PDB file of N, CA and C in Angstrom:
ATOM      1  N   UNK A   1       7.614   2.110  15.614  1.00  0.00           N
ATOM      2  CA  UNK A   1       8.476   2.479  14.620  1.00  0.00           C
ATOM      3  C   UNK A   1       9.889   0.929  14.299  1.00  0.00           C
ATOM      4  N   UNK A   2      10.598   1.504  15.961  1.00  0.00           N
ATOM      5  CA  UNK A   2      11.323   0.535  15.908  1.00  0.00           C
ATOM      6  C   UNK A   2      11.185  -0.650  15.885  1.00  0.00           C
ATOM      7  N   UNK A   3      10.514  -1.855  16.525  1.00  0.00           N
ATOM      8  CA  UNK A   3       9.690  -2.894  16.462  1.00  0.00           C
ATOM      9  C   UNK A   3       9.734  -3.463  15.686  1.00  0.00           C
ATOM     10  N   UNK A   4       9.451  -2.465  14.183  1.00  0.00           N
ATOM     11  CA  UNK A   4       9.668  -3.070  13.158  1.00  0.00           C
ATOM     12  C   UNK A   4      10.946  -3.982  12.096  1.00  0.00           C
ATOM     13  N   UNK A   5      12.307  -2.340  12.559  1.00  0.00           N
ATOM     14  CA  UNK A   5      13.224  -2.644  11.932  1.00  0.00           C
ATOM     15  C   UNK A   5      14.518  -3.830  13.015  1.00  0.00           C
ATOM     16  N   UNK A   6      13.651  -3.773  14.318  1.00  0.00           N
ATOM     17  CA  UNK A   6      14.248  -5.550  15.698  1.00  0.00           C
ATOM     18  C   UNK A   6      13.554  -6.238  14.717  1.00  0.00           C
ATOM     19  N   UNK A   7      11.848  -6.167  14.405  1.00  0.00           N
ATOM     20  CA  UNK A   7      11.730  -7.748  13.206  1.00  0.00           C
ATOM     21  C   UNK A   7      11.884  -8.129  12.115  1.00  0.00           C
ATOM     22  N   UNK A   8      12.587  -6.853  11.257  1.00  0.00           N
ATOM     23  CA  UNK A   8      13.489  -6.982  10.171  1.00  0.00           C
ATOM     24  C   UNK A   8      14.845  -7.620  10.407  1.00  0.00           C
ATOM     25  N   UNK A   9      15.849  -7.495  11.124  1.00  0.00           N
ATOM     26  CA  UNK A   9      16.983  -8.051  11.915  1.00  0.00           C
ATOM     27  C   UNK A   9      16.658  -9.029  12.197  1.00  0.00           C
ATOM     28  N   UNK A  10      15.854  -9.845  12.617  1.00  0.00           N
ATOM     29  CA  UNK A  10      15.936 -10.588  12.966  1.00  0.00           C
ATOM     30  C   UNK A  10      15.147 -11.574  11.888  1.00  0.00           C
ATOM     31  N   UNK A  11      14.353 -11.142  11.049  1.00  0.00           N
ATOM     32  CA  UNK A  11      13.948 -12.433  10.077  1.00  0.00           C
ATOM     33  C   UNK A  11      15.160 -12.102   9.173  1.00  0.00           C
ATOM     34  N   UNK A  12      15.765 -11.054   9.154  1.00  0.00           N
ATOM     35  CA  UNK A  12      16.831 -11.350   7.573  1.00  0.00           C
ATOM     36  C   UNK A  12      17.784 -12.191   8.354  1.00  0.00           C
ATOM     37  N   UNK A  13      17.926 -12.335   9.104  1.00  0.00           N
ATOM     38  CA  UNK A  13      19.450 -13.297  10.287  1.00  0.00           C
ATOM     39  C   UNK A  13      18.795 -14.639  10.084  1.00  0.00           C
ATOM     40  N   UNK A  14      17.337 -14.701  10.489  1.00  0.00           N
ATOM     41  CA  UNK A  14      17.519 -15.858  10.404  1.00  0.00           C
ATOM     42  C   UNK A  14      16.884 -17.490   8.610  1.00  0.00           C
ATOM     43  N   UNK A  15      16.448 -15.839   7.833  1.00  0.00           N
ATOM     44  CA  UNK A  15      16.140 -16.493   6.710  1.00  0.00           C
ATOM     45  C   UNK A  15      17.482 -16.834   6.122  1.00  0.00           C
ATOM     46  N   UNK A  16      18.752 -15.927   6.105  1.00  0.00           N
ATOM     47  CA  UNK A  16      19.937 -15.690   5.996  1.00  0.00           C
ATOM     48  C   UNK A  16      19.998 -17.701   5.896  1.00  0.00           C
ATOM     49  N   UNK A  17      20.358 -17.577   7.598  1.00  0.00           N
ATOM     50  CA  UNK A  17      20.533 -19.183   8.348  1.00  0.00           C
ATOM     51  C   UNK A  17      19.629 -20.167   7.111  1.00  0.00           C
ATOM     52  N   UNK A  18      18.265 -20.024   6.895  1.00  0.00           N
ATOM     53  CA  UNK A  18      18.199 -20.867   6.773  1.00  0.00           C
ATOM     54  C   UNK A  18      18.090 -21.085   5.273  1.00  0.00           C
ATOM     55  N   UNK A  19      18.361 -20.473   4.648  1.00  0.00           N
ATOM     56  CA  UNK A  19      18.787 -20.350   3.172  1.00  0.00           C
ATOM     57  C   UNK A  19      20.284 -20.811   2.380  1.00  0.00           C
ATOM     58  N   UNK A  20      21.299 -20.451   4.008  1.00  0.00           N
ATOM     59  CA  UNK A  20      22.612 -21.014   3.695  1.00  0.00           C
ATOM     60  C   UNK A  20      23.140 -21.674   4.768  1.00  0.00           C
ATOM     61  N   UNK A  21      22.229 -22.712   5.572  1.00  0.00           N
ATOM     62  CA  UNK A  21      22.529 -23.643   6.587  1.00  0.00           C
ATOM     63  C   UNK A  21      23.394 -24.820   5.532  1.00  0.00           C
ATOM     64  N   UNK A  22      22.855 -25.298   4.982  1.00  0.00           N
ATOM     65  CA  UNK A  22      23.606 -26.092   4.544  1.00  0.00           C
ATOM     66  C   UNK A  22      24.872 -26.173   4.055  1.00  0.00           C
ATOM     67  N   UNK A  23      25.471 -24.988   2.984  1.00  0.00           N
ATOM     68  CA  UNK A  23      26.011 -24.265   1.930  1.00  0.00           C
ATOM     69  C   UNK A  23      27.484 -24.160   2.822  1.00  0.00           C
ATOM     70  N   UNK A  24      27.111 -23.501   4.023  1.00  0.00           N
ATOM     71  CA  UNK A  24      28.019 -23.291   5.594  1.00  0.00           C
ATOM     72  C   UNK A  24      28.561 -25.033   5.825  1.00  0.00           C
ATOM     73  N   UNK A  25      27.580 -25.226   5.820  1.00  0.00           N
ATOM     74  CA  UNK A  25      27.977 -26.515   6.508  1.00  0.00           C
ATOM     75  C   UNK A  25      29.025 -27.700   5.462  1.00  0.00           C
ATOM     76  N   UNK A  26      28.125 -27.870   4.014  1.00  0.00           N
ATOM     77  CA  UNK A  26      29.856 -28.201   3.210  1.00  0.00           C
ATOM     78  C   UNK A  26      30.903 -27.519   2.825  1.00  0.00           C
ATOM     79  N   UNK A  27      30.351 -25.959   3.914  1.00  0.00           N
ATOM     80  CA  UNK A  27      31.638 -25.207   2.702  1.00  0.00           C
ATOM     81  C   UNK A  27      32.908 -25.454   3.524  1.00  0.00           C
ATOM     82  N   UNK A  28      32.214 -25.662   5.153  1.00  0.00           N
ATOM     83  CA  UNK A  28      33.399 -26.591   5.912  1.00  0.00           C
ATOM     84  C   UNK A  28      33.777 -27.845   5.374  1.00  0.00           C
ATOM     85  N   UNK A  29      32.830 -28.077   5.603  1.00  0.00           N
ATOM     86  CA  UNK A  29      33.867 -29.900   5.071  1.00  0.00           C
ATOM     87  C   UNK A  29      35.107 -30.030   4.287  1.00  0.00           C
ATOM     88  N   UNK A  30      33.929 -29.214   2.634  1.00  0.00           N
ATOM     89  CA  UNK A  30      35.048 -28.893   2.164  1.00  0.00           C
ATOM     90  C   UNK A  30      35.180 -27.794   1.551  1.00  0.00           C
ATOM     91  N   UNK A  31      36.715 -27.160   1.569  1.00  0.00           N
ATOM     92  CA  UNK A  31      36.902 -26.068   2.079  1.00  0.00           C
ATOM     93  C   UNK A  31      36.855 -25.367  -0.585  1.00  0.00           C
ATOM     94  N   UNK A  32      37.376 -26.509  -0.817  1.00  0.00           N
ATOM     95  CA  UNK A  32      37.340 -26.374  -2.520  1.00  0.00           C
ATOM     96  C   UNK A  32      35.999 -26.359  -3.126  1.00  0.00           C
ATOM     97  N   UNK A  33      34.162 -26.704  -2.301  1.00  0.00           N
ATOM     98  CA  UNK A  33      33.056 -26.598  -2.574  1.00  0.00           C
ATOM     99  C   UNK A  33      32.628 -25.406  -3.913  1.00  0.00           C
ATOM    100  N   UNK A  34      32.387 -25.353  -4.050  1.00  0.00           N
ATOM    101  CA  UNK A  34      31.645 -23.186  -5.584  1.00  0.00           C
ATOM    102  C   UNK A  34      31.161 -22.727  -4.674  1.00  0.00           C
ATOM    103  N   UNK A  35      31.888 -21.906  -5.141  1.00  0.00           N
ATOM    104  CA  UNK A  35      31.025 -20.674  -4.148  1.00  0.00           C
ATOM    105  C   UNK A  35      29.561 -19.874  -4.870  1.00  0.00           C
ATOM    106  N   UNK A  36      28.599 -19.830  -3.771  1.00  0.00           N
ATOM    107  CA  UNK A  36      27.290 -19.838  -4.009  1.00  0.00           C
ATOM    108  C   UNK A  36      27.167 -18.235  -4.364  1.00  0.00           C
ATOM    109  N   UNK A  37      26.047 -18.668  -5.505  1.00  0.00           N
ATOM    110  CA  UNK A  37      26.729 -16.891  -5.885  1.00  0.00           C
ATOM    111  C   UNK A  37      25.117 -15.503  -5.111  1.00  0.00           C
ATOM    112  N   UNK A  38      25.727 -14.617  -4.594  1.00  0.00           N
ATOM    113  CA  UNK A  38      25.218 -13.958  -4.298  1.00  0.00           C
ATOM    114  C   UNK A  38      23.400 -13.712  -4.274  1.00  0.00           C
ATOM    115  N   UNK A  39      23.059 -13.616  -5.716  1.00  0.00           N
ATOM    116  CA  UNK A  39      21.741 -13.568  -5.708  1.00  0.00           C
ATOM    117  C   UNK A  39      21.333 -14.687  -4.406  1.00  0.00           C
ATOM    118  N   UNK A  40      21.329 -15.477  -4.405  1.00  0.00           N
ATOM    119  CA  UNK A  40      20.851 -16.766  -3.933  1.00  0.00           C
ATOM    120  C   UNK A  40      21.440 -16.758  -3.204  1.00  0.00           C
ATOM    121  N   UNK A  41      22.547 -16.755  -2.154  1.00  0.00           N
ATOM    122  CA  UNK A  41      22.629 -16.327  -0.843  1.00  0.00           C
ATOM    123  C   UNK A  41      22.541 -15.237   0.332  1.00  0.00           C
ATOM    124  N   UNK A  42      21.917 -14.255  -0.373  1.00  0.00           N
ATOM    125  CA  UNK A  42      21.493 -12.698  -0.001  1.00  0.00           C
ATOM    126  C   UNK A  42      20.684 -12.436  -0.174  1.00  0.00           C
ATOM    127  N   UNK A  43      20.677 -11.782  -1.565  1.00  0.00           N
ATOM    128  CA  UNK A  43      19.702 -11.202  -2.401  1.00  0.00           C
ATOM    129  C   UNK A  43      18.008 -11.692  -2.015  1.00  0.00           C
ATOM    130  N   UNK A  44      18.419 -13.389  -1.922  1.00  0.00           N
ATOM    131  CA  UNK A  44      16.593 -13.576  -2.479  1.00  0.00           C
ATOM    132  C   UNK A  44      16.409 -14.055  -0.792  1.00  0.00           C
ATOM    133  N   UNK A  45      17.310 -14.312   0.080  1.00  0.00           N
ATOM    134  CA  UNK A  45      16.781 -14.546   1.363  1.00  0.00           C
ATOM    135  C   UNK A  45      16.848 -13.068   2.175  1.00  0.00           C
ATOM    136  N   UNK A  46      17.235 -12.244   1.916  1.00  0.00           N
ATOM    137  CA  UNK A  46      16.969 -10.590   2.366  1.00  0.00           C
ATOM    138  C   UNK A  46      16.175 -10.143   1.516  1.00  0.00           C
ATOM    139  N   UNK A  47      14.995 -10.398   0.513  1.00  0.00           N
ATOM    140  CA  UNK A  47      13.898  -9.813  -0.219  1.00  0.00           C
ATOM    141  C   UNK A  47      12.851 -11.248   0.501  1.00  0.00           C
ATOM    142  N   UNK A  48      13.056 -12.088   1.213  1.00  0.00           N
ATOM    143  CA  UNK A  48      11.779 -12.624   0.992  1.00  0.00           C
ATOM    144  C   UNK A  48      11.306 -12.162   2.815  1.00  0.00           C
ATOM    145  N   UNK A  49      12.743 -11.600   3.919  1.00  0.00           N
ATOM    146  CA  UNK A  49      13.327 -11.422   5.192  1.00  0.00           C
ATOM    147  C   UNK A  49      11.973  -9.811   5.172  1.00  0.00           C
ATOM    148  N   UNK A  50      11.799  -8.672   3.775  1.00  0.00           N
ATOM    149  CA  UNK A  50      11.742  -7.785   3.678  1.00  0.00           C
ATOM    150  C   UNK A  50      10.359  -7.684   3.216  1.00  0.00           C
ATOM    151  N   UNK A  51       9.813  -8.703   2.376  1.00  0.00           N
ATOM    152  CA  UNK A  51       8.066  -9.084   2.360  1.00  0.00           C
ATOM    153  C   UNK A  51       7.332 -10.368   3.002  1.00  0.00           C
ATOM    154  N   UNK A  52       8.035 -11.050   3.855  1.00  0.00           N
ATOM    155  CA  UNK A  52       7.868 -11.695   5.562  1.00  0.00           C
ATOM    156  C   UNK A  52       7.204 -10.807   6.518  1.00  0.00           C
ATOM    157  N   UNK A  53       8.237  -9.255   6.703  1.00  0.00           N
ATOM    158  CA  UNK A  53       8.335  -8.516   7.417  1.00  0.00           C
ATOM    159  C   UNK A  53       7.517  -7.440   7.654  1.00  0.00           C
ATOM    160  N   UNK A  54       6.722  -7.676   6.444  1.00  0.00           N
ATOM    161  CA  UNK A  54       6.540  -6.170   5.667  1.00  0.00           C
ATOM    162  C   UNK A  54       3.944  -7.282   5.722  1.00  0.00           C
ATOM    163  N   UNK A  55       4.494  -8.107   5.552  1.00  0.00           N
ATOM    164  CA  UNK A  55       2.586  -9.082   5.687  1.00  0.00           C
ATOM    165  C   UNK A  55       2.759  -9.466   6.590  1.00  0.00           C
ATOM    166  N   UNK A  56       4.021  -9.552   7.647  1.00  0.00           N
ATOM    167  CA  UNK A  56       3.022  -9.469   8.890  1.00  0.00           C
ATOM    168  C   UNK A  56       2.361  -8.317  10.012  1.00  0.00           C
ATOM    169  N   UNK A  57       3.442  -6.796   9.258  1.00  0.00           N
ATOM    170  CA  UNK A  57       3.552  -5.592   9.851  1.00  0.00           C
ATOM    171  C   UNK A  57       1.695  -5.312   9.546  1.00  0.00           C
ATOM    172  N   UNK A  58       1.911  -5.512   8.262  1.00  0.00           N
ATOM    173  CA  UNK A  58       0.519  -5.319   7.190  1.00  0.00           C
ATOM    174  C   UNK A  58      -0.961  -6.030   8.305  1.00  0.00           C
ATOM    175  N   UNK A  59      -0.521  -7.412   8.266  1.00  0.00           N
ATOM    176  CA  UNK A  59      -1.650  -8.364   9.385  1.00  0.00           C
ATOM    177  C   UNK A  59      -1.832  -7.787  10.945  1.00  0.00           C
ATOM    178  N   UNK A  60      -0.376  -6.465  11.108  1.00  0.00           N
ATOM    179  CA  UNK A  60      -0.337  -6.816  13.143  1.00  0.00           C
ATOM    180  C   UNK A  60      -0.995  -5.578  13.025  1.00  0.00           C
ATOM    181  N   UNK A  61      -1.282  -4.587  12.448  1.00  0.00           N
ATOM    182  CA  UNK A  61      -2.335  -3.679  11.623  1.00  0.00           C
ATOM    183  C   UNK A  61      -3.409  -3.659  11.692  1.00  0.00           C
ATOM    184  N   UNK A  62      -3.814  -4.221  10.557  1.00  0.00           N
ATOM    185  CA  UNK A  62      -5.779  -5.010  10.221  1.00  0.00           C
ATOM    186  C   UNK A  62      -5.210  -5.172  11.954  1.00  0.00           C
ATOM    187  N   UNK A  63      -5.365  -6.176  12.375  1.00  0.00           N
ATOM    188  CA  UNK A  63      -5.352  -7.167  13.560  1.00  0.00           C
ATOM    189  C   UNK A  63      -6.550  -5.772  14.994  1.00  0.00           C
ATOM    190  N   UNK A  64      -5.010  -4.770  14.927  1.00  0.00           N
ATOM    191  CA  UNK A  64      -5.418  -3.531  15.448  1.00  0.00           C
ATOM    192  C   UNK A  64      -6.501  -2.883  15.614  1.00  0.00           C
ATOM    193  N   UNK A  65      -6.969  -2.606  14.548  1.00  0.00           N
ATOM    194  CA  UNK A  65      -8.256  -1.558  13.744  1.00  0.00           C
ATOM    195  C   UNK A  65      -9.075  -2.839  13.698  1.00  0.00           C
ATOM    196  N   UNK A  66      -9.015  -4.105  13.441  1.00  0.00           N
ATOM    197  CA  UNK A  66     -10.541  -4.590  14.019  1.00  0.00           C
ATOM    198  C   UNK A  66     -10.482  -4.937  15.656  1.00  0.00           C
ATOM    199  N   UNK A  67      -9.775  -4.711  16.552  1.00  0.00           N
ATOM    200  CA  UNK A  67      -9.560  -5.269  17.482  1.00  0.00           C
ATOM    201  C   UNK A  67     -10.444  -3.676  18.048  1.00  0.00           C
ATOM    202  N   UNK A  68      -9.765  -2.951  17.185  1.00  0.00           N
ATOM    203  CA  UNK A  68     -10.127  -0.901  17.547  1.00  0.00           C
ATOM    204  C   UNK A  68     -11.579  -1.561  17.834  1.00  0.00           C
ATOM    205  N   UNK A  69     -12.343  -1.407  16.108  1.00  0.00           N
ATOM    206  CA  UNK A  69     -13.684  -1.844  15.816  1.00  0.00           C
ATOM    207  C   UNK A  69     -14.326  -2.143  17.243  1.00  0.00           C
ATOM    208  N   UNK A  70     -13.867  -3.640  17.234  1.00  0.00           N
ATOM    209  CA  UNK A  70     -14.951  -4.390  17.589  1.00  0.00           C
ATOM    210  C   UNK A  70     -14.957  -4.128  19.943  1.00  0.00           C
ATOM    211  N   UNK A  71     -14.302  -3.122  20.060  1.00  0.00           N
ATOM    212  CA  UNK A  71     -14.484  -2.575  21.272  1.00  0.00           C
ATOM    213  C   UNK A  71     -14.859  -1.469  20.618  1.00  0.00           C
ATOM    214  N   UNK A  72     -15.367  -0.292  19.559  1.00  0.00           N
ATOM    215  CA  UNK A  72     -15.928   0.340  19.527  1.00  0.00           C
ATOM    216  C   UNK A  72     -17.606   0.301  19.580  1.00  0.00           C
ATOM    217  N   UNK A  73     -17.657  -0.316  18.903  1.00  0.00           N
ATOM    218  CA  UNK A  73     -18.885  -1.794  18.222  1.00  0.00           C
ATOM    219  C   UNK A  73     -19.654  -1.542  19.805  1.00  0.00           C
ATOM    220  N   UNK A  74     -18.969  -2.442  20.581  1.00  0.00           N
ATOM    221  CA  UNK A  74     -18.667  -3.310  21.778  1.00  0.00           C
ATOM    222  C   UNK A  74     -19.658  -2.150  23.088  1.00  0.00           C
ATOM    223  N   UNK A  75     -18.734  -1.251  22.857  1.00  0.00           N
ATOM    224  CA  UNK A  75     -18.983  -0.502  23.376  1.00  0.00           C
ATOM    225  C   UNK A  75     -20.748   0.360  23.746  1.00  0.00           C
ATOM    226  N   UNK A  76     -20.557   0.719  21.897  1.00  0.00           N
ATOM    227  CA  UNK A  76     -22.515   1.864  21.537  1.00  0.00           C
ATOM    228  C   UNK A  76     -23.160   0.680  21.987  1.00  0.00           C
ATOM    229  N   UNK A  77     -22.822  -0.598  21.972  1.00  0.00           N
ATOM    230  CA  UNK A  77     -24.241  -1.624  21.714  1.00  0.00           C
ATOM    231  C   UNK A  77     -24.040  -1.375  23.386  1.00  0.00           C
ATOM    232  N   UNK A  78     -23.169  -1.782  24.284  1.00  0.00           N
ATOM    233  CA  UNK A  78     -23.649  -1.892  25.259  1.00  0.00           C
ATOM    234  C   UNK A  78     -24.413  -0.235  26.261  1.00  0.00           C
ATOM    235  N   UNK A  79     -24.238   0.617  25.048  1.00  0.00           N
ATOM    236  CA  UNK A  79     -24.392   2.044  26.132  1.00  0.00           C
ATOM    237  C   UNK A  79     -25.732   1.875  25.496  1.00  0.00           C
ATOM    238  N   UNK A  80     -26.457   1.773  24.392  1.00  0.00           N
ATOM    239  CA  UNK A  80     -27.484   1.049  23.662  1.00  0.00           C
ATOM    240  C   UNK A  80     -28.696   0.503  24.924  1.00  0.00           C
ATOM    241  N   UNK A  81     -28.224  -0.634  24.699  1.00  0.00           N
ATOM    242  CA  UNK A  81     -29.237  -1.640  25.481  1.00  0.00           C
ATOM    243  C   UNK A  81     -28.698  -1.515  27.263  1.00  0.00           C
ATOM    244  N   UNK A  82     -27.791  -1.212  27.883  1.00  0.00           N
ATOM    245  CA  UNK A  82     -27.956  -1.195  28.734  1.00  0.00           C
ATOM    246  C   UNK A  82     -27.533  -0.034  29.699  1.00  0.00           C
ATOM    247  N   UNK A  83     -27.131   1.096  28.712  1.00  0.00           N
ATOM    248  CA  UNK A  83     -26.877   2.557  29.719  1.00  0.00           C
ATOM    249  C   UNK A  83     -28.008   3.367  29.953  1.00  0.00           C
ATOM    250  N   UNK A  84     -28.864   3.421  28.191  1.00  0.00           N
ATOM    251  CA  UNK A  84     -29.884   3.421  28.670  1.00  0.00           C
ATOM    252  C   UNK A  84     -31.547   3.527  29.083  1.00  0.00           C
ATOM    253  N   UNK A  85     -31.004   2.695  29.813  1.00  0.00           N
ATOM    254  CA  UNK A  85     -32.674   2.331  29.832  1.00  0.00           C
ATOM    255  C   UNK A  85     -33.607   3.689  30.873  1.00  0.00           C
ATOM    256  N   UNK A  86     -34.503   3.060  30.673  1.00  0.00           N
ATOM    257  CA  UNK A  86     -35.510   4.283  31.249  1.00  0.00           C
ATOM    258  C   UNK A  86     -36.047   4.760  33.136  1.00  0.00           C
ATOM    259  N   UNK A  87     -36.163   4.835  33.529  1.00  0.00           N
ATOM    260  CA  UNK A  87     -35.440   4.700  35.598  1.00  0.00           C
ATOM    261  C   UNK A  87     -37.458   4.679  35.942  1.00  0.00           C
TER     262      UNK A  87
END
């Protein structure tokens, strides 16, 4: 659970930097540059970061589930074909 929050924080920082980098550069060169709307500068990148984090965590959960099922089937097949040989 803690890894999800760390991943969310990192994703928010990355998306904020990606979507606001050119604006920050323009603002640094020209302080009179008009301000960017809050929805564009904060809400959209944070929303994308939340969606990305949820999708990645869901995919990670599906991947772990598939790995556990694969291991379970492997153990059953090995036991069936190699473990139960008549002496």
